[in-house]
Protein backbone atom coordinates (compact mmCIF):
# COMPACT_ATOMS: atom_id res chain seq x y z
CA LEU A 1 79.54 -198.00 -59.32
CA ASN A 2 80.62 -196.14 -62.44
CA ASP A 3 82.78 -193.71 -60.49
CA PRO A 4 86.42 -194.46 -61.43
CA ARG A 5 87.51 -193.58 -57.90
CA LEU A 6 85.70 -196.69 -56.65
CA LEU A 7 88.20 -199.55 -56.69
CA ALA A 8 87.61 -203.27 -56.19
CA SER A 9 89.76 -205.03 -53.67
CA PHE A 10 88.94 -208.68 -53.10
CA ALA A 11 92.42 -208.94 -51.62
CA GLY A 12 91.58 -206.11 -49.23
CA MET A 13 89.10 -208.40 -47.50
CA PHE A 14 91.92 -210.83 -46.74
CA GLU A 15 94.27 -208.01 -45.70
CA ALA A 16 91.68 -206.87 -43.17
CA VAL A 17 91.94 -210.21 -41.36
CA GLY A 18 95.72 -210.46 -41.60
CA VAL A 19 96.15 -212.74 -44.65
CA THR A 20 98.85 -211.14 -46.79
CA SER A 21 100.73 -214.11 -48.27
CA GLY A 22 100.27 -217.68 -49.41
CA PRO A 23 98.16 -219.35 -52.12
CA LEU A 24 94.85 -217.79 -51.06
CA TRP A 25 96.40 -214.33 -51.00
CA GLU A 26 97.96 -214.86 -54.43
CA HIS A 27 94.60 -215.98 -55.83
CA ALA A 28 92.81 -213.01 -54.25
CA THR A 29 95.25 -210.49 -55.67
CA THR A 30 94.89 -211.79 -59.23
CA ALA A 31 91.14 -212.50 -59.21
CA LEU A 32 88.87 -210.39 -61.40
CA LEU A 33 87.42 -208.89 -58.23
CA SER A 34 90.81 -207.33 -57.42
CA VAL A 35 91.67 -206.04 -60.89
CA ASN A 36 90.79 -202.43 -61.64
CA GLY A 37 90.75 -199.97 -64.52
CA GLU A 38 91.27 -200.94 -68.13
CA GLU A 39 92.45 -204.45 -67.29
CA HIS A 40 89.24 -205.09 -65.34
CA HIS A 41 87.15 -203.83 -68.25
CA ARG A 42 89.10 -206.00 -70.70
CA LEU A 43 88.72 -209.16 -68.60
CA ARG A 44 85.09 -208.43 -67.80
CA SER A 45 84.24 -208.02 -71.49
CA LEU A 46 85.67 -211.49 -72.14
CA VAL A 47 83.24 -213.18 -69.71
CA ALA A 48 80.23 -210.83 -69.73
CA GLY A 49 78.28 -212.85 -72.30
CA SER A 50 78.38 -215.89 -70.02
CA PHE A 51 76.71 -214.05 -67.16
CA THR A 52 73.54 -212.75 -68.81
CA PRO A 53 70.10 -213.40 -67.30
CA ARG A 54 69.37 -215.83 -70.17
CA ALA A 55 72.57 -217.79 -69.48
CA ALA A 56 71.76 -217.91 -65.77
CA GLU A 57 68.23 -219.10 -66.52
CA ARG A 58 69.61 -222.07 -68.47
CA LEU A 59 71.51 -223.05 -65.32
CA ARG A 60 68.44 -222.94 -63.06
CA PRO A 61 67.32 -226.60 -63.49
CA ILE A 62 70.84 -227.90 -62.85
CA ALA A 63 71.26 -225.59 -59.86
CA ARG A 64 67.93 -226.72 -58.40
CA GLU A 65 68.65 -230.41 -58.95
CA THR A 66 72.12 -230.06 -57.43
CA ALA A 67 70.80 -228.18 -54.38
CA VAL A 68 68.02 -230.72 -53.74
CA SER A 69 70.46 -233.62 -54.02
CA LEU A 70 72.97 -232.05 -51.63
CA VAL A 71 70.28 -231.09 -49.09
CA GLU A 72 68.86 -234.63 -49.18
CA GLU A 73 72.35 -236.02 -48.60
CA LEU A 74 72.91 -233.64 -45.68
CA ALA A 75 69.52 -234.53 -44.18
CA SER A 76 70.30 -238.26 -44.34
CA ASN A 77 73.46 -237.88 -42.26
CA ASP A 78 73.66 -237.37 -38.51
CA THR A 79 76.20 -234.58 -38.96
CA GLY A 80 77.35 -232.33 -41.74
CA ASP A 81 79.15 -229.14 -42.55
CA LEU A 82 77.24 -226.55 -44.54
CA ILE A 83 80.33 -225.25 -46.31
CA ALA A 84 82.15 -228.54 -46.97
CA ASP A 85 79.06 -230.66 -47.67
CA PHE A 86 76.84 -228.15 -49.46
CA ALA A 87 78.39 -224.82 -50.50
CA VAL A 88 81.63 -226.10 -52.06
CA PRO A 89 80.12 -229.07 -53.94
CA TYR A 90 77.20 -226.88 -55.07
CA LEU A 91 79.58 -224.26 -56.46
CA ILE A 92 81.78 -226.82 -58.21
CA LYS A 93 78.88 -228.78 -59.72
CA THR A 94 76.96 -225.75 -60.97
CA LEU A 95 80.05 -223.92 -62.25
CA SER A 96 81.17 -227.02 -64.14
CA HIS A 97 77.88 -227.00 -66.04
CA TYR A 98 77.97 -223.25 -66.50
CA THR A 99 81.55 -223.00 -67.74
CA GLY A 100 81.95 -226.33 -69.53
CA PHE A 101 84.92 -227.31 -67.38
CA THR A 102 84.81 -230.67 -65.65
CA GLU A 103 84.50 -230.75 -61.88
CA ALA A 104 88.07 -232.09 -61.69
CA GLU A 105 89.38 -229.18 -63.79
CA LEU A 106 87.65 -226.65 -61.54
CA VAL A 107 88.97 -228.28 -58.37
CA ALA A 108 92.49 -228.47 -59.83
CA SER A 109 92.43 -224.76 -60.73
CA TYR A 110 91.42 -223.63 -57.24
CA PRO A 111 94.27 -222.81 -54.86
CA ALA A 112 94.84 -225.38 -52.13
């Protein structure tokens, strides 16, 4: 992974399935996972301290509580969608705690 010839391309994943324009494409092309070289290193150094094992460990109780709550809610319904009813709310709720942004701020920043 330290070889400079290895390039990240989050956008390449979307290109492979034919998505080459629109809000999702624009987000994918500017995401940290699509930035390479010095710019990637600069951006990564800005957020690296937030993604240490110690920082992740502090999130564990909130992540567990959120997962249990969402699974219980899914189990109480006759139907449900794993992505819409678990994965997306789980991501938003845990990231809001992790980053300090409110859930509304995170949702508003995500491309429609």
